[in-house]
Full PDB file with SEQRES, HELIX, SHEET, SSBOND, CRYST1, ORIGX, SCALE, CONECT and MASTER records, all heavy atoms in Angstrom:
SEQRES   1 A   31  LEU ASP LYS ALA GLY TRP ALA PRO LEU GLY VAL GLU GLU          
SEQRES   2 A   31  THR HIS PRO ILE LEU ILE GLY VAL ILE GLY LEU ILE MET          
SEQRES   3 A   31  VAL VAL LEU VAL PRO                                          
HELIX    1 AA1 ALA A    7  LEU A    9  5                                   3    
HELIX    2 AA2 PRO A   16  LEU A   29  1                                  14    
CRYST1    1.000    1.000    1.000  90.00  90.00  90.00 P 1           1          
ORIGX1      1.000000  0.000000  0.000000        0.00000                         
ORIGX2      0.000000  1.000000  0.000000        0.00000                         
ORIGX3      0.000000  0.000000  1.000000        0.00000                         
SCALE1      1.000000  0.000000  0.000000        0.00000                         
SCALE2      0.000000  1.000000  0.000000        0.00000                         
SCALE3      0.000000  0.000000  1.000000        0.00000                         
ATOM      1  N   LEU A   1     136.561 -22.753  40.417  1.00  0.00           N  
ATOM      2  CA  LEU A   1     135.262 -22.672  39.676  1.00  0.00           C  
ATOM      3  C   LEU A   1     134.210 -22.038  40.639  1.00  0.00           C  
ATOM      4  O   LEU A   1     133.385 -21.191  40.186  1.00  0.00           O  
ATOM      5  CB  LEU A   1     134.847 -24.006  39.219  1.00  0.00           C  
ATOM      6  CG  LEU A   1     135.704 -24.721  38.058  1.00  0.00           C  
ATOM      7  CD1 LEU A   1     135.194 -26.034  37.835  1.00  0.00           C  
ATOM      8  CD2 LEU A   1     135.654 -23.848  36.814  1.00  0.00           C  
ATOM      9  N   ASP A   2     134.282 -22.467  41.832  1.00  0.00           N  
ATOM     10  CA  ASP A   2     133.362 -21.864  42.840  1.00  0.00           C  
ATOM     11  C   ASP A   2     133.557 -20.380  43.093  1.00  0.00           C  
ATOM     12  O   ASP A   2     132.721 -19.571  43.138  1.00  0.00           O  
ATOM     13  CB  ASP A   2     133.448 -22.673  44.209  1.00  0.00           C  
ATOM     14  CG  ASP A   2     132.491 -22.243  45.187  1.00  0.00           C  
ATOM     15  OD1 ASP A   2     131.323 -21.920  44.829  1.00  0.00           O  
ATOM     16  OD2 ASP A   2     132.748 -22.365  46.408  1.00  0.00           O  
ATOM     17  N   LYS A   3     134.871 -20.080  43.191  1.00  0.00           N  
ATOM     18  CA  LYS A   3     135.296 -18.641  43.443  1.00  0.00           C  
ATOM     19  C   LYS A   3     134.866 -17.796  42.292  1.00  0.00           C  
ATOM     20  O   LYS A   3     134.586 -16.640  42.452  1.00  0.00           O  
ATOM     21  CB  LYS A   3     136.831 -18.637  43.759  1.00  0.00           C  
ATOM     22  CG  LYS A   3     137.321 -17.395  44.371  1.00  0.00           C  
ATOM     23  CD  LYS A   3     138.733 -17.522  44.640  1.00  0.00           C  
ATOM     24  CE  LYS A   3     139.463 -16.314  45.315  1.00  0.00           C  
ATOM     25  NZ  LYS A   3     138.933 -16.147  46.665  1.00  0.00           N  
ATOM     26  N   ALA A   4     134.911 -18.361  41.061  1.00  0.00           N  
ATOM     27  CA  ALA A   4     134.592 -17.584  39.875  1.00  0.00           C  
ATOM     28  C   ALA A   4     133.091 -17.487  39.624  1.00  0.00           C  
ATOM     29  O   ALA A   4     132.675 -16.851  38.636  1.00  0.00           O  
ATOM     30  CB  ALA A   4     135.315 -18.213  38.613  1.00  0.00           C  
ATOM     31  N   GLY A   5     132.320 -18.160  40.476  1.00  0.00           N  
ATOM     32  CA  GLY A   5     130.864 -18.166  40.263  1.00  0.00           C  
ATOM     33  C   GLY A   5     130.339 -18.982  39.105  1.00  0.00           C  
ATOM     34  O   GLY A   5     129.416 -18.639  38.377  1.00  0.00           O  
ATOM     35  N   TRP A   6     131.118 -20.161  38.921  1.00  0.00           N  
ATOM     36  CA  TRP A   6     130.585 -21.027  37.864  1.00  0.00           C  
ATOM     37  C   TRP A   6     129.085 -21.462  38.062  1.00  0.00           C  
ATOM     38  O   TRP A   6     128.791 -21.834  39.187  1.00  0.00           O  
ATOM     39  CB  TRP A   6     131.439 -22.282  37.844  1.00  0.00           C  
ATOM     40  CG  TRP A   6     131.210 -23.189  36.728  1.00  0.00           C  
ATOM     41  CD1 TRP A   6     131.024 -22.971  35.402  1.00  0.00           C  
ATOM     42  CD2 TRP A   6     131.139 -24.656  36.871  1.00  0.00           C  
ATOM     43  NE1 TRP A   6     130.867 -24.125  34.682  1.00  0.00           N  
ATOM     44  CE2 TRP A   6     130.957 -25.147  35.583  1.00  0.00           C  
ATOM     45  CE3 TRP A   6     131.235 -25.603  37.919  1.00  0.00           C  
ATOM     46  CZ2 TRP A   6     130.767 -26.571  35.286  1.00  0.00           C  
ATOM     47  CZ3 TRP A   6     131.126 -26.948  37.648  1.00  0.00           C  
ATOM     48  CH2 TRP A   6     130.900 -27.413  36.336  1.00  0.00           C  
ATOM     49  N   ALA A   7     128.299 -21.406  37.025  1.00  0.00           N  
ATOM     50  CA  ALA A   7     126.853 -21.461  37.160  1.00  0.00           C  
ATOM     51  C   ALA A   7     126.337 -22.682  37.989  1.00  0.00           C  
ATOM     52  O   ALA A   7     125.474 -22.550  38.843  1.00  0.00           O  
ATOM     53  CB  ALA A   7     126.212 -21.344  35.806  1.00  0.00           C  
ATOM     54  N   PRO A   8     126.847 -23.896  37.697  1.00  0.00           N  
ATOM     55  CA  PRO A   8     126.272 -25.077  38.456  1.00  0.00           C  
ATOM     56  C   PRO A   8     126.572 -24.925  39.956  1.00  0.00           C  
ATOM     57  O   PRO A   8     125.793 -25.556  40.784  1.00  0.00           O  
ATOM     58  CB  PRO A   8     127.103 -26.230  37.902  1.00  0.00           C  
ATOM     59  CG  PRO A   8     127.453 -25.813  36.507  1.00  0.00           C  
ATOM     60  CD  PRO A   8     127.723 -24.290  36.558  1.00  0.00           C  
ATOM     61  N   LEU A   9     127.528 -24.235  40.372  1.00  0.00           N  
ATOM     62  CA  LEU A   9     127.745 -23.975  41.803  1.00  0.00           C  
ATOM     63  C   LEU A   9     127.117 -22.792  42.367  1.00  0.00           C  
ATOM     64  O   LEU A   9     127.106 -22.604  43.607  1.00  0.00           O  
ATOM     65  CB  LEU A   9     129.297 -23.944  42.056  1.00  0.00           C  
ATOM     66  CG  LEU A   9     130.104 -25.184  41.696  1.00  0.00           C  
ATOM     67  CD1 LEU A   9     131.584 -24.949  41.983  1.00  0.00           C  
ATOM     68  CD2 LEU A   9     129.614 -26.347  42.590  1.00  0.00           C  
ATOM     69  N   GLY A  10     126.560 -21.956  41.482  1.00  0.00           N  
ATOM     70  CA  GLY A  10     125.872 -20.711  42.049  1.00  0.00           C  
ATOM     71  C   GLY A  10     126.860 -19.546  42.068  1.00  0.00           C  
ATOM     72  O   GLY A  10     128.008 -19.772  42.294  1.00  0.00           O  
ATOM     73  N   VAL A  11     126.324 -18.370  42.021  1.00  0.00           N  
ATOM     74  CA  VAL A  11     127.163 -17.133  42.037  1.00  0.00           C  
ATOM     75  C   VAL A  11     126.989 -16.301  43.372  1.00  0.00           C  
ATOM     76  O   VAL A  11     127.681 -15.366  43.477  1.00  0.00           O  
ATOM     77  CB  VAL A  11     126.862 -16.272  40.794  1.00  0.00           C  
ATOM     78  CG1 VAL A  11     127.188 -16.955  39.540  1.00  0.00           C  
ATOM     79  CG2 VAL A  11     125.420 -15.876  40.840  1.00  0.00           C  
ATOM     80  N   GLU A  12     126.073 -16.784  44.223  1.00  0.00           N  
ATOM     81  CA  GLU A  12     125.703 -15.895  45.344  1.00  0.00           C  
ATOM     82  C   GLU A  12     126.669 -16.120  46.535  1.00  0.00           C  
ATOM     83  O   GLU A  12     126.976 -15.224  47.276  1.00  0.00           O  
ATOM     84  CB  GLU A  12     124.289 -16.126  45.817  1.00  0.00           C  
ATOM     85  CG  GLU A  12     123.256 -15.877  44.827  1.00  0.00           C  
ATOM     86  CD  GLU A  12     123.281 -14.414  44.411  1.00  0.00           C  
ATOM     87  OE1 GLU A  12     123.588 -13.493  45.292  1.00  0.00           O  
ATOM     88  OE2 GLU A  12     122.944 -14.012  43.274  1.00  0.00           O  
ATOM     89  N   GLU A  13     127.221 -17.345  46.638  1.00  0.00           N  
ATOM     90  CA  GLU A  13     128.067 -17.700  47.781  1.00  0.00           C  
ATOM     91  C   GLU A  13     128.997 -18.795  47.370  1.00  0.00           C  
ATOM     92  O   GLU A  13     128.781 -19.528  46.459  1.00  0.00           O  
ATOM     93  CB  GLU A  13     127.192 -18.179  48.948  1.00  0.00           C  
ATOM     94  CG  GLU A  13     126.370 -19.333  48.693  1.00  0.00           C  
ATOM     95  CD  GLU A  13     125.570 -19.794  49.851  1.00  0.00           C  
ATOM     96  OE1 GLU A  13     125.831 -19.305  51.000  1.00  0.00           O  
ATOM     97  OE2 GLU A  13     124.575 -20.610  49.673  1.00  0.00           O  
ATOM     98  N   THR A  14     130.072 -18.896  48.172  1.00  0.00           N  
ATOM     99  CA  THR A  14     131.055 -19.989  48.014  1.00  0.00           C  
ATOM    100  C   THR A  14     130.641 -21.224  48.763  1.00  0.00           C  
ATOM    101  O   THR A  14     129.786 -21.116  49.660  1.00  0.00           O  
ATOM    102  CB  THR A  14     132.428 -19.572  48.437  1.00  0.00           C  
ATOM    103  OG1 THR A  14     132.347 -19.195  49.795  1.00  0.00           O  
ATOM    104  CG2 THR A  14     132.959 -18.495  47.531  1.00  0.00           C  
ATOM    105  N   HIS A  15     131.133 -22.352  48.548  1.00  0.00           N  
ATOM    106  CA  HIS A  15     130.693 -23.565  49.102  1.00  0.00           C  
ATOM    107  C   HIS A  15     131.864 -24.429  49.629  1.00  0.00           C  
ATOM    108  O   HIS A  15     132.233 -25.461  49.144  1.00  0.00           O  
ATOM    109  CB  HIS A  15     129.931 -24.462  48.058  1.00  0.00           C  
ATOM    110  CG  HIS A  15     128.866 -23.779  47.395  1.00  0.00           C  
ATOM    111  ND1 HIS A  15     129.012 -22.793  46.365  1.00  0.00           N  
ATOM    112  CD2 HIS A  15     127.552 -23.839  47.633  1.00  0.00           C  
ATOM    113  CE1 HIS A  15     127.834 -22.364  46.018  1.00  0.00           C  
ATOM    114  NE2 HIS A  15     126.919 -22.944  46.744  1.00  0.00           N  
ATOM    115  N   PRO A  16     132.500 -23.928  50.782  1.00  0.00           N  
ATOM    116  CA  PRO A  16     133.708 -24.603  51.311  1.00  0.00           C  
ATOM    117  C   PRO A  16     133.298 -26.060  51.848  1.00  0.00           C  
ATOM    118  O   PRO A  16     134.246 -26.971  51.707  1.00  0.00           O  
ATOM    119  CB  PRO A  16     134.158 -23.744  52.454  1.00  0.00           C  
ATOM    120  CG  PRO A  16     132.915 -22.908  52.734  1.00  0.00           C  
ATOM    121  CD  PRO A  16     132.199 -22.670  51.416  1.00  0.00           C  
ATOM    122  N   ILE A  17     132.111 -26.182  52.285  1.00  0.00           N  
ATOM    123  CA  ILE A  17     131.690 -27.572  52.799  1.00  0.00           C  
ATOM    124  C   ILE A  17     131.672 -28.600  51.561  1.00  0.00           C  
ATOM    125  O   ILE A  17     132.195 -29.629  51.711  1.00  0.00           O  
ATOM    126  CB  ILE A  17     130.397 -27.461  53.557  1.00  0.00           C  
ATOM    127  CG1 ILE A  17     130.551 -26.622  54.827  1.00  0.00           C  
ATOM    128  CG2 ILE A  17     129.903 -28.880  53.864  1.00  0.00           C  
ATOM    129  CD1 ILE A  17     129.284 -26.467  55.604  1.00  0.00           C  
ATOM    130  N   LEU A  18     131.175 -28.053  50.505  1.00  0.00           N  
ATOM    131  CA  LEU A  18     131.081 -28.927  49.377  1.00  0.00           C  
ATOM    132  C   LEU A  18     132.418 -29.349  48.860  1.00  0.00           C  
ATOM    133  O   LEU A  18     132.678 -30.545  48.542  1.00  0.00           O  
ATOM    134  CB  LEU A  18     130.304 -28.258  48.234  1.00  0.00           C  
ATOM    135  CG  LEU A  18     130.275 -28.965  46.834  1.00  0.00           C  
ATOM    136  CD1 LEU A  18     129.607 -30.240  46.896  1.00  0.00           C  
ATOM    137  CD2 LEU A  18     129.773 -28.027  45.712  1.00  0.00           C  
ATOM    138  N   ILE A  19     133.470 -28.405  48.864  1.00  0.00           N  
ATOM    139  CA  ILE A  19     134.695 -28.612  48.429  1.00  0.00           C  
ATOM    140  C   ILE A  19     135.423 -29.597  49.360  1.00  0.00           C  
ATOM    141  O   ILE A  19     136.152 -30.568  48.864  1.00  0.00           O  
ATOM    142  CB  ILE A  19     135.537 -27.349  48.243  1.00  0.00           C  
ATOM    143  CG1 ILE A  19     134.910 -26.474  47.144  1.00  0.00           C  
ATOM    144  CG2 ILE A  19     137.030 -27.625  47.993  1.00  0.00           C  
ATOM    145  CD1 ILE A  19     135.270 -25.053  47.204  1.00  0.00           C  
ATOM    146  N   GLY A  20     135.145 -29.458  50.656  1.00  0.00           N  
ATOM    147  CA  GLY A  20     135.739 -30.366  51.631  1.00  0.00           C  
ATOM    148  C   GLY A  20     135.246 -31.749  51.509  1.00  0.00           C  
ATOM    149  O   GLY A  20     135.968 -32.765  51.569  1.00  0.00           O  
ATOM    150  N   VAL A  21     133.908 -31.844  51.157  1.00  0.00           N  
ATOM    151  CA  VAL A  21     133.303 -33.179  50.988  1.00  0.00           C  
ATOM    152  C   VAL A  21     133.849 -33.860  49.770  1.00  0.00           C  
ATOM    153  O   VAL A  21     134.189 -35.059  49.771  1.00  0.00           O  
ATOM    154  CB  VAL A  21     131.761 -33.039  50.869  1.00  0.00           C  
ATOM    155  CG1 VAL A  21     131.178 -34.326  50.465  1.00  0.00           C  
ATOM    156  CG2 VAL A  21     131.134 -32.651  52.207  1.00  0.00           C  
ATOM    157  N   ILE A  22     134.074 -33.102  48.686  1.00  0.00           N  
ATOM    158  CA  ILE A  22     134.677 -33.634  47.490  1.00  0.00           C  
ATOM    159  C   ILE A  22     136.080 -34.188  47.847  1.00  0.00           C  
ATOM    160  O   ILE A  22     136.447 -35.234  47.403  1.00  0.00           O  
ATOM    161  CB  ILE A  22     134.748 -32.490  46.348  1.00  0.00           C  
ATOM    162  CG1 ILE A  22     133.382 -32.245  45.890  1.00  0.00           C  
ATOM    163  CG2 ILE A  22     135.692 -32.978  45.248  1.00  0.00           C  
ATOM    164  CD1 ILE A  22     133.283 -31.090  44.944  1.00  0.00           C  
ATOM    165  N   GLY A  23     136.883 -33.417  48.585  1.00  0.00           N  
ATOM    166  CA  GLY A  23     138.165 -33.895  48.971  1.00  0.00           C  
ATOM    167  C   GLY A  23     138.094 -35.195  49.801  1.00  0.00           C  
ATOM    168  O   GLY A  23     138.930 -36.153  49.508  1.00  0.00           O  
ATOM    169  N   LEU A  24     137.190 -35.230  50.752  1.00  0.00           N  
ATOM    170  CA  LEU A  24     137.113 -36.470  51.548  1.00  0.00           C  
ATOM    171  C   LEU A  24     136.688 -37.676  50.650  1.00  0.00           C  
ATOM    172  O   LEU A  24     137.184 -38.842  50.894  1.00  0.00           O  
ATOM    173  CB  LEU A  24     136.055 -36.335  52.711  1.00  0.00           C  
ATOM    174  CG  LEU A  24     136.500 -35.359  53.833  1.00  0.00           C  
ATOM    175  CD1 LEU A  24     135.360 -35.130  54.765  1.00  0.00           C  
ATOM    176  CD2 LEU A  24     137.686 -35.969  54.549  1.00  0.00           C  
ATOM    177  N   ILE A  25     135.758 -37.408  49.796  1.00  0.00           N  
ATOM    178  CA  ILE A  25     135.278 -38.535  48.930  1.00  0.00           C  
ATOM    179  C   ILE A  25     136.437 -39.035  48.051  1.00  0.00           C  
ATOM    180  O   ILE A  25     136.691 -40.272  47.893  1.00  0.00           O  
ATOM    181  CB  ILE A  25     134.105 -38.061  47.980  1.00  0.00           C  
ATOM    182  CG1 ILE A  25     132.832 -37.841  48.857  1.00  0.00           C  
ATOM    183  CG2 ILE A  25     133.874 -39.100  46.867  1.00  0.00           C  
ATOM    184  CD1 ILE A  25     131.732 -37.262  48.068  1.00  0.00           C  
ATOM    185  N   MET A  26     137.231 -38.097  47.590  1.00  0.00           N  
ATOM    186  CA  MET A  26     138.357 -38.512  46.683  1.00  0.00           C  
ATOM    187  C   MET A  26     139.493 -39.236  47.532  1.00  0.00           C  
ATOM    188  O   MET A  26     140.073 -40.223  47.007  1.00  0.00           O  
ATOM    189  CB  MET A  26     139.040 -37.268  46.040  1.00  0.00           C  
ATOM    190  CG  MET A  26     138.228 -36.715  44.978  1.00  0.00           C  
ATOM    191  SD  MET A  26     139.068 -35.680  43.831  1.00  0.00           S  
ATOM    192  CE  MET A  26     140.274 -36.859  43.127  1.00  0.00           C  
ATOM    193  N   VAL A  27     139.661 -38.859  48.817  1.00  0.00           N  
ATOM    194  CA  VAL A  27     140.614 -39.597  49.671  1.00  0.00           C  
ATOM    195  C   VAL A  27     140.261 -41.055  49.752  1.00  0.00           C  
ATOM    196  O   VAL A  27     141.148 -41.913  49.802  1.00  0.00           O  
ATOM    197  CB  VAL A  27     140.777 -38.923  51.074  1.00  0.00           C  
ATOM    198  CG1 VAL A  27     141.480 -39.782  52.026  1.00  0.00           C  
ATOM    199  CG2 VAL A  27     141.394 -37.501  50.857  1.00  0.00           C  
ATOM    200  N   VAL A  28     138.859 -41.300  49.838  1.00  0.00           N  
ATOM    201  CA  VAL A  28     138.457 -42.656  49.910  1.00  0.00           C  
ATOM    202  C   VAL A  28     138.446 -43.373  48.615  1.00  0.00           C  
ATOM    203  O   VAL A  28     138.884 -44.519  48.431  1.00  0.00           O  
ATOM    204  CB  VAL A  28     137.057 -42.713  50.606  1.00  0.00           C  
ATOM    205  CG1 VAL A  28     136.495 -44.127  50.555  1.00  0.00           C  
ATOM    206  CG2 VAL A  28     137.117 -42.104  52.016  1.00  0.00           C  
ATOM    207  N   LEU A  29     137.915 -42.644  47.522  1.00  0.00           N  
ATOM    208  CA  LEU A  29     137.641 -43.295  46.277  1.00  0.00           C  
ATOM    209  C   LEU A  29     138.886 -43.484  45.495  1.00  0.00           C  
ATOM    210  O   LEU A  29     139.038 -44.471  44.740  1.00  0.00           O  
ATOM    211  CB  LEU A  29     136.684 -42.420  45.519  1.00  0.00           C  
ATOM    212  CG  LEU A  29     135.271 -42.545  45.913  1.00  0.00           C  
ATOM    213  CD1 LEU A  29     134.329 -41.699  44.868  1.00  0.00           C  
ATOM    214  CD2 LEU A  29     134.737 -43.974  45.888  1.00  0.00           C  
ATOM    215  N   VAL A  30     139.852 -42.600  45.550  1.00  0.00           N  
ATOM    216  CA  VAL A  30     141.079 -42.693  44.641  1.00  0.00           C  
ATOM    217  C   VAL A  30     141.842 -43.969  44.884  1.00  0.00           C  
ATOM    218  O   VAL A  30     142.087 -44.757  43.925  1.00  0.00           O  
ATOM    219  CB  VAL A  30     142.025 -41.418  44.820  1.00  0.00           C  
ATOM    220  CG1 VAL A  30     143.439 -41.747  44.280  1.00  0.00           C  
ATOM    221  CG2 VAL A  30     141.388 -40.236  44.226  1.00  0.00           C  
ATOM    222  N   PRO A  31     142.096 -44.367  46.122  1.00  0.00           N  
ATOM    223  CA  PRO A  31     142.795 -45.672  46.375  1.00  0.00           C  
ATOM    224  C   PRO A  31     141.949 -46.786  45.924  1.00  0.00           C  
ATOM    225  O   PRO A  31     142.452 -47.812  45.401  1.00  0.00           O  
ATOM    226  CB  PRO A  31     143.164 -45.707  47.855  1.00  0.00           C  
ATOM    227  CG  PRO A  31     143.081 -44.225  48.330  1.00  0.00           C  
ATOM    228  CD  PRO A  31     142.007 -43.661  47.415  1.00  0.00           C  
TER     229      PRO A  31                                                      
MASTER        0    0    0    2    0    0    0    6  228    1    0    3          
END                                                                             
């Protein structure tokens, strides 16, 4: 969604840090 420029994430740049944070949060939250 980020790579495709989905509006809530913005179209000017990608957000690898945001995606990494989402991954870390899920690693903690899923269990």
